[in-house]
Amino acid sequence: MSFRYTKPFAKLIDEFSKMPGIGPKTAQRLAFYILKNSSENVTSLAKTILEAKEKVKHCSICGNITDQENCEICRDINRDKSTICVIERVRDLIAIENTGEYKGIYHVLEGVISPLDGVEPENLKINSLLKRLKNEKIKEIILATNPNIEGEVTASYISKLIEPLKIKVTRIAYGVPIGGSLEFADEVTLTQALMGRQEIR
């Protein structure tokens, strides 16, 4: 017979296990961490979670997370407002920002087209993107959806919608990662690596 936790503790473990990427063992460790902490620390954590839930929202322009009407990136006068990088989720924005290379602005789709999962184009922030293209002076759209079937379908769909607007549309290059080996790369990866090749000067 397996050990049974007391109900309040079991419920705490269950709540942690509902979080993405948190398995049963990690949920258990987090629950023990909460028990070991002082009431003051646990109360502070609970208040911080509630505050984030109440105050953090999506930017009315790009969809990034913010505690104001518009996010810091959209408010930044030094950003290149003529280039929009279209991404699936906010965490992709964070990844790109961490490179320190991109100086334009963003548009978060909040997902990708995936009929099998019940996600159609109208479920994404595509219409709001088109409105931005008509109201703002945009010179280039960078489609930075993930290199998988859903990401490619979404990028292709958006590209066709933008085509009549005569705005430059580019797709991020991807292929063999640094440190990777050609013999272990799949055919699609190698094809995209060749297509995304650049001239060496």
C-alpha atoms as a PDB file:
ATOM      1  CA  MET A   1       0.000   0.000   0.000  1.00  0.00           C
ATOM      2  CA  SER A   2       1.480   3.351  -1.090  1.00  0.00           C
ATOM      3  CA  PHE A   3       1.919   6.236   1.320  1.00  0.00           C
ATOM      4  CA  ARG A   4      -0.916   8.774   1.389  1.00  0.00           C
ATOM      5  CA  TYR A   5      -0.309  12.432   2.121  1.00  0.00           C
ATOM      6  CA  THR A   6      -2.650  14.396   4.337  1.00  0.00           C
ATOM      7  CA  LYS A   7      -5.346  16.062   2.211  1.00  0.00           C
ATOM      8  CA  PRO A   8      -4.123  19.716   2.341  1.00  0.00           C
ATOM      9  CA  PHE A   9      -0.592  18.638   1.389  1.00  0.00           C
ATOM     10  CA  ALA A  10      -1.837  16.299  -1.354  1.00  0.00           C
ATOM     11  CA  LYS A  11      -3.939  19.135  -2.753  1.00  0.00           C
ATOM     12  CA  LEU A  12      -0.888  21.435  -2.782  1.00  0.00           C
ATOM     13  CA  ILE A  13       1.101  18.829  -4.716  1.00  0.00           C
ATOM     14  CA  ASP A  14      -1.801  18.406  -7.127  1.00  0.00           C
ATOM     15  CA  GLU A  15      -1.957  22.164  -7.783  1.00  0.00           C
ATOM     16  CA  PHE A  16       1.772  22.338  -8.515  1.00  0.00           C
ATOM     17  CA  SER A  17       1.558  19.313 -10.824  1.00  0.00           C
ATOM     18  CA  LYS A  18      -0.972  21.172 -12.989  1.00  0.00           C
ATOM     19  CA  MET A  19       1.745  23.635 -14.003  1.00  0.00           C
ATOM     20  CA  PRO A  20       3.488  23.023 -17.358  1.00  0.00           C
ATOM     21  CA  GLY A  21       6.749  21.150 -17.050  1.00  0.00           C
ATOM     22  CA  ILE A  22       6.120  20.191 -13.423  1.00  0.00           C
ATOM     23  CA  GLY A  23       6.049  16.431 -12.840  1.00  0.00           C
ATOM     24  CA  PRO A  24       4.937  14.604  -9.668  1.00  0.00           C
ATOM     25  CA  LYS A  25       8.402  14.609  -8.047  1.00  0.00           C
ATOM     26  CA  THR A  26       9.010  18.312  -8.738  1.00  0.00           C
ATOM     27  CA  ALA A  27       5.516  19.124  -7.474  1.00  0.00           C
ATOM     28  CA  GLN A  28       6.304  17.220  -4.294  1.00  0.00           C
ATOM     29  CA  ARG A  29       9.596  19.104  -3.808  1.00  0.00           C
ATOM     30  CA  LEU A  30       7.839  22.449  -4.286  1.00  0.00           C
ATOM     31  CA  ALA A  31       5.172  21.478  -1.770  1.00  0.00           C
ATOM     32  CA  PHE A  32       7.822  20.550   0.806  1.00  0.00           C
ATOM     33  CA  TYR A  33       9.584  23.849   0.068  1.00  0.00           C
ATOM     34  CA  ILE A  34       6.376  25.718   0.919  1.00  0.00           C
ATOM     35  CA  LEU A  35       5.992  23.806   4.180  1.00  0.00           C
ATOM     36  CA  LYS A  36       9.599  24.461   5.158  1.00  0.00           C
ATOM     37  CA  ASN A  37       9.314  28.225   4.546  1.00  0.00           C
ATOM     38  CA  SER A  38       8.098  30.747   7.081  1.00  0.00           C
ATOM     39  CA  SER A  39       4.494  31.941   7.011  1.00  0.00           C
ATOM     40  CA  GLU A  40       5.772  35.418   6.075  1.00  0.00           C
ATOM     41  CA  ASN A  41       7.611  34.119   3.006  1.00  0.00           C
ATOM     42  CA  VAL A  42       4.676  31.985   1.898  1.00  0.00           C
ATOM     43  CA  THR A  43       2.286  34.914   2.346  1.00  0.00           C
ATOM     44  CA  SER A  44       4.618  37.134   0.317  1.00  0.00           C
ATOM     45  CA  LEU A  45       4.722  34.518  -2.461  1.00  0.00           C
ATOM     46  CA  ALA A  46       0.933  34.216  -2.497  1.00  0.00           C
ATOM     47  CA  LYS A  47       0.527  37.999  -2.653  1.00  0.00           C
ATOM     48  CA  THR A  48       3.067  38.239  -5.490  1.00  0.00           C
ATOM     49  CA  ILE A  49       1.195  35.616  -7.507  1.00  0.00           C
ATOM     50  CA  LEU A  50      -2.118  37.407  -6.992  1.00  0.00           C
ATOM     51  CA  GLU A  51      -0.590  40.789  -7.833  1.00  0.00           C
ATOM     52  CA  ALA A  52       0.905  39.452 -11.065  1.00  0.00           C
ATOM     53  CA  LYS A  53      -2.429  37.882 -12.007  1.00  0.00           C
ATOM     54  CA  GLU A  54      -4.318  41.124 -11.326  1.00  0.00           C
ATOM     55  CA  LYS A  55      -1.884  43.661 -12.810  1.00  0.00           C
ATOM     56  CA  VAL A  56      -0.136  41.927 -15.707  1.00  0.00           C
ATOM     57  CA  LYS A  57      -2.053  42.138 -18.992  1.00  0.00           C
ATOM     58  CA  HIS A  58      -1.412  42.107 -22.722  1.00  0.00           C
ATOM     59  CA  CYS A  59      -0.186  45.192 -24.562  1.00  0.00           C
ATOM     60  CA  SER A  60      -3.049  46.708 -26.556  1.00  0.00           C
ATOM     61  CA  ILE A  61      -0.727  47.107 -29.556  1.00  0.00           C
ATOM     62  CA  CYS A  62       1.515  44.055 -29.855  1.00  0.00           C
ATOM     63  CA  GLY A  63       0.241  41.541 -27.287  1.00  0.00           C
ATOM     64  CA  ASN A  64       3.349  41.526 -25.115  1.00  0.00           C
ATOM     65  CA  ILE A  65       2.826  41.329 -21.349  1.00  0.00           C
ATOM     66  CA  THR A  66       2.814  44.610 -19.444  1.00  0.00           C
ATOM     67  CA  ASP A  67       1.348  46.319 -16.414  1.00  0.00           C
ATOM     68  CA  GLN A  68       0.388  49.350 -18.500  1.00  0.00           C
ATOM     69  CA  GLU A  69      -1.787  49.955 -21.568  1.00  0.00           C
ATOM     70  CA  ASN A  70       1.191  49.646 -23.920  1.00  0.00           C
ATOM     71  CA  CYS A  71       4.371  47.656 -23.270  1.00  0.00           C
ATOM     72  CA  GLU A  72       7.840  49.077 -22.834  1.00  0.00           C
ATOM     73  CA  ILE A  73       8.921  48.004 -26.327  1.00  0.00           C
ATOM     74  CA  CYS A  74       5.994  49.732 -28.055  1.00  0.00           C
ATOM     75  CA  ARG A  75       6.620  52.880 -25.994  1.00  0.00           C
ATOM     76  CA  ASP A  76      10.341  52.937 -26.798  1.00  0.00           C
ATOM     77  CA  ILE A  77      10.950  55.801 -29.271  1.00  0.00           C
ATOM     78  CA  ASN A  78      14.308  54.286 -30.231  1.00  0.00           C
ATOM     79  CA  ARG A  79      12.794  51.092 -31.658  1.00  0.00           C
ATOM     80  CA  ASP A  80      12.438  50.691 -35.427  1.00  0.00           C
ATOM     81  CA  LYS A  81       8.664  51.068 -35.814  1.00  0.00           C
ATOM     82  CA  SER A  82       8.823  50.134 -39.518  1.00  0.00           C
ATOM     83  CA  THR A  83       9.669  46.479 -38.836  1.00  0.00           C
ATOM     84  CA  ILE A  84       7.335  44.016 -37.110  1.00  0.00           C
ATOM     85  CA  CYS A  85       8.496  40.578 -35.985  1.00  0.00           C
ATOM     86  CA  VAL A  86       5.513  38.206 -35.868  1.00  0.00           C
ATOM     87  CA  ILE A  87       5.855  35.537 -33.177  1.00  0.00           C
ATOM     88  CA  GLU A  88       3.694  32.802 -31.676  1.00  0.00           C
ATOM     89  CA  ARG A  89       3.931  33.624 -27.978  1.00  0.00           C
ATOM     90  CA  VAL A  90       5.434  36.123 -25.554  1.00  0.00           C
ATOM     91  CA  ARG A  91       8.186  33.691 -24.585  1.00  0.00           C
ATOM     92  CA  ASP A  92       9.410  33.845 -28.205  1.00  0.00           C
ATOM     93  CA  LEU A  93       9.626  37.628 -27.865  1.00  0.00           C
ATOM     94  CA  ILE A  94      11.754  37.186 -24.761  1.00  0.00           C
ATOM     95  CA  ALA A  95      14.073  34.768 -26.581  1.00  0.00           C
ATOM     96  CA  ILE A  96      14.591  37.218 -29.452  1.00  0.00           C
ATOM     97  CA  GLU A  97      15.071  40.178 -27.098  1.00  0.00           C
ATOM     98  CA  ASN A  98      17.729  38.228 -25.204  1.00  0.00           C
ATOM     99  CA  THR A  99      19.869  38.095 -28.358  1.00  0.00           C
ATOM    100  CA  GLY A 100      20.162  41.888 -28.270  1.00  0.00           C
ATOM    101  CA  GLU A 101      20.167  41.948 -32.077  1.00  0.00           C
ATOM    102  CA  TYR A 102      16.611  42.868 -33.010  1.00  0.00           C
ATOM    103  CA  LYS A 103      15.628  46.545 -32.759  1.00  0.00           C
ATOM    104  CA  GLY A 104      12.150  46.501 -34.300  1.00  0.00           C
ATOM    105  CA  ILE A 105       8.743  45.897 -32.731  1.00  0.00           C
ATOM    106  CA  TYR A 106       6.596  42.785 -32.352  1.00  0.00           C
ATOM    107  CA  HIS A 107       3.199  41.219 -32.875  1.00  0.00           C
ATOM    108  CA  VAL A 108       2.197  38.225 -30.739  1.00  0.00           C
ATOM    109  CA  LEU A 109      -0.222  35.823 -32.459  1.00  0.00           C
ATOM    110  CA  GLU A 110      -0.974  33.882 -29.251  1.00  0.00           C
ATOM    111  CA  GLY A 111      -0.610  30.547 -31.013  1.00  0.00           C
ATOM    112  CA  VAL A 112      -0.478  28.957 -34.461  1.00  0.00           C
ATOM    113  CA  ILE A 113      -2.994  27.567 -36.903  1.00  0.00           C
ATOM    114  CA  SER A 114      -3.686  23.975 -35.875  1.00  0.00           C
ATOM    115  CA  PRO A 115      -7.059  22.550 -37.006  1.00  0.00           C
ATOM    116  CA  LEU A 116      -6.411  19.291 -35.143  1.00  0.00           C
ATOM    117  CA  ASP A 117      -6.261  21.297 -31.914  1.00  0.00           C
ATOM    118  CA  GLY A 118      -9.248  23.430 -32.893  1.00  0.00           C
ATOM    119  CA  VAL A 119      -7.144  26.528 -33.593  1.00  0.00           C
ATOM    120  CA  GLU A 120      -8.258  28.356 -36.739  1.00  0.00           C
ATOM    121  CA  PRO A 121      -6.943  31.684 -38.136  1.00  0.00           C
ATOM    122  CA  GLU A 122      -9.792  33.601 -36.489  1.00  0.00           C
ATOM    123  CA  ASN A 123      -8.604  32.326 -33.088  1.00  0.00           C
ATOM    124  CA  LEU A 124      -5.278  34.131 -33.514  1.00  0.00           C
ATOM    125  CA  LYS A 125      -4.328  37.816 -33.471  1.00  0.00           C
ATOM    126  CA  ILE A 126      -4.077  37.945 -37.270  1.00  0.00           C
ATOM    127  CA  ASN A 127      -6.817  40.528 -37.884  1.00  0.00           C
ATOM    128  CA  SER A 128      -5.209  42.926 -35.423  1.00  0.00           C
ATOM    129  CA  LEU A 129      -1.908  42.467 -37.296  1.00  0.00           C
ATOM    130  CA  LEU A 130      -3.574  43.402 -40.593  1.00  0.00           C
ATOM    131  CA  LYS A 131      -5.085  46.496 -38.966  1.00  0.00           C
ATOM    132  CA  ARG A 132      -1.625  47.539 -37.803  1.00  0.00           C
ATOM    133  CA  LEU A 133      -0.254  47.134 -41.317  1.00  0.00           C
ATOM    134  CA  LYS A 134      -2.943  49.419 -42.679  1.00  0.00           C
ATOM    135  CA  ASN A 135      -2.624  52.050 -39.955  1.00  0.00           C
ATOM    136  CA  GLU A 136       1.137  52.072 -39.366  1.00  0.00           C
ATOM    137  CA  LYS A 137       4.017  52.746 -41.765  1.00  0.00           C
ATOM    138  CA  ILE A 138       5.419  49.233 -41.927  1.00  0.00           C
ATOM    139  CA  LYS A 139       8.199  48.360 -44.374  1.00  0.00           C
ATOM    140  CA  GLU A 140       8.945  44.781 -43.367  1.00  0.00           C
ATOM    141  CA  ILE A 141       7.249  41.860 -41.649  1.00  0.00           C
ATOM    142  CA  ILE A 142       9.505  39.158 -40.199  1.00  0.00           C
ATOM    143  CA  LEU A 143       7.652  35.866 -39.761  1.00  0.00           C
ATOM    144  CA  ALA A 144       9.288  34.149 -36.799  1.00  0.00           C
ATOM    145  CA  THR A 145       6.927  31.258 -36.131  1.00  0.00           C
ATOM    146  CA  ASN A 146       8.530  27.960 -35.138  1.00  0.00           C
ATOM    147  CA  PRO A 147      10.004  25.666 -37.834  1.00  0.00           C
ATOM    148  CA  ASN A 148       7.343  22.965 -37.597  1.00  0.00           C
ATOM    149  CA  ILE A 149       4.245  22.124 -39.636  1.00  0.00           C
ATOM    150  CA  GLU A 150       1.927  24.450 -37.700  1.00  0.00           C
ATOM    151  CA  GLY A 151       4.471  27.268 -37.744  1.00  0.00           C
ATOM    152  CA  GLU A 152       5.026  26.928 -41.492  1.00  0.00           C
ATOM    153  CA  VAL A 153       1.291  26.816 -42.229  1.00  0.00           C
ATOM    154  CA  THR A 154       0.740  29.949 -40.134  1.00  0.00           C
ATOM    155  CA  ALA A 155       3.635  31.806 -41.766  1.00  0.00           C
ATOM    156  CA  SER A 156       2.401  30.874 -45.248  1.00  0.00           C
ATOM    157  CA  TYR A 157      -1.175  31.934 -44.425  1.00  0.00           C
ATOM    158  CA  ILE A 158      -0.087  35.321 -43.089  1.00  0.00           C
ATOM    159  CA  SER A 159       2.307  35.870 -45.993  1.00  0.00           C
ATOM    160  CA  LYS A 160      -0.519  35.425 -48.508  1.00  0.00           C
ATOM    161  CA  LEU A 161      -2.728  37.885 -46.609  1.00  0.00           C
ATOM    162  CA  ILE A 162       0.020  40.509 -46.590  1.00  0.00           C
ATOM    163  CA  GLU A 163       0.985  40.069 -50.254  1.00  0.00           C
ATOM    164  CA  PRO A 164      -1.628  42.535 -51.623  1.00  0.00           C
ATOM    165  CA  LEU A 165      -0.367  45.216 -49.229  1.00  0.00           C
ATOM    166  CA  LYS A 166       3.009  45.298 -51.017  1.00  0.00           C
ATOM    167  CA  ILE A 167       4.938  45.043 -47.759  1.00  0.00           C
ATOM    168  CA  LYS A 168       8.224  43.135 -47.644  1.00  0.00           C
ATOM    169  CA  VAL A 169       7.777  39.766 -45.925  1.00  0.00           C
ATOM    170  CA  THR A 170      10.756  37.752 -44.693  1.00  0.00           C
ATOM    171  CA  ARG A 171      11.084  34.445 -42.835  1.00  0.00           C
ATOM    172  CA  ILE A 172      13.728  33.822 -40.204  1.00  0.00           C
ATOM    173  CA  ALA A 173      16.487  31.509 -41.407  1.00  0.00           C
ATOM    174  CA  TYR A 174      16.948  28.275 -39.488  1.00  0.00           C
ATOM    175  CA  GLY A 175      18.853  25.091 -39.994  1.00  0.00           C
ATOM    176  CA  VAL A 176      21.861  23.336 -38.515  1.00  0.00           C
ATOM    177  CA  PRO A 177      22.520  24.635 -34.992  1.00  0.00           C
ATOM    178  CA  ILE A 178      25.982  25.737 -33.905  1.00  0.00           C
ATOM    179  CA  GLY A 179      27.800  22.679 -32.631  1.00  0.00           C
ATOM    180  CA  GLY A 180      25.480  20.380 -34.557  1.00  0.00           C
ATOM    181  CA  SER A 181      26.504  17.629 -36.972  1.00  0.00           C
ATOM    182  CA  LEU A 182      25.258  17.404 -40.575  1.00  0.00           C
ATOM    183  CA  GLU A 183      24.948  13.630 -40.398  1.00  0.00           C
ATOM    184  CA  PHE A 184      22.361  13.876 -37.625  1.00  0.00           C
ATOM    185  CA  ALA A 185      20.330  16.697 -39.208  1.00  0.00           C
ATOM    186  CA  ASP A 186      17.054  15.767 -40.902  1.00  0.00           C
ATOM    187  CA  GLU A 187      16.350  16.597 -44.543  1.00  0.00           C
ATOM    188  CA  VAL A 188      14.023  19.522 -43.801  1.00  0.00           C
ATOM    189  CA  THR A 189      16.614  21.110 -41.508  1.00  0.00           C
ATOM    190  CA  LEU A 190      19.369  20.756 -44.112  1.00  0.00           C
ATOM    191  CA  THR A 191      17.107  22.126 -46.855  1.00  0.00           C
ATOM    192  CA  GLN A 192      16.248  25.179 -44.771  1.00  0.00           C
ATOM    193  CA  ALA A 193      19.909  25.639 -43.847  1.00  0.00           C
ATOM    194  CA  LEU A 194      20.812  25.735 -47.535  1.00  0.00           C
ATOM    195  CA  MET A 195      17.949  28.086 -48.391  1.00  0.00           C
ATOM    196  CA  GLY A 196      18.939  30.418 -45.578  1.00  0.00           C
ATOM    197  CA  ARG A 197      22.614  30.512 -46.565  1.00  0.00           C
ATOM    198  CA  GLN A 198      24.415  33.854 -46.601  1.00  0.00           C
ATOM    199  CA  GLU A 199      27.340  35.146 -48.599  1.00  0.00           C
ATOM    200  CA  ILE A 200      30.707  35.031 -46.791  1.00  0.00           C
ATOM    201  CA  ARG A 201      32.620  38.273 -47.230  1.00  0.00           C
END
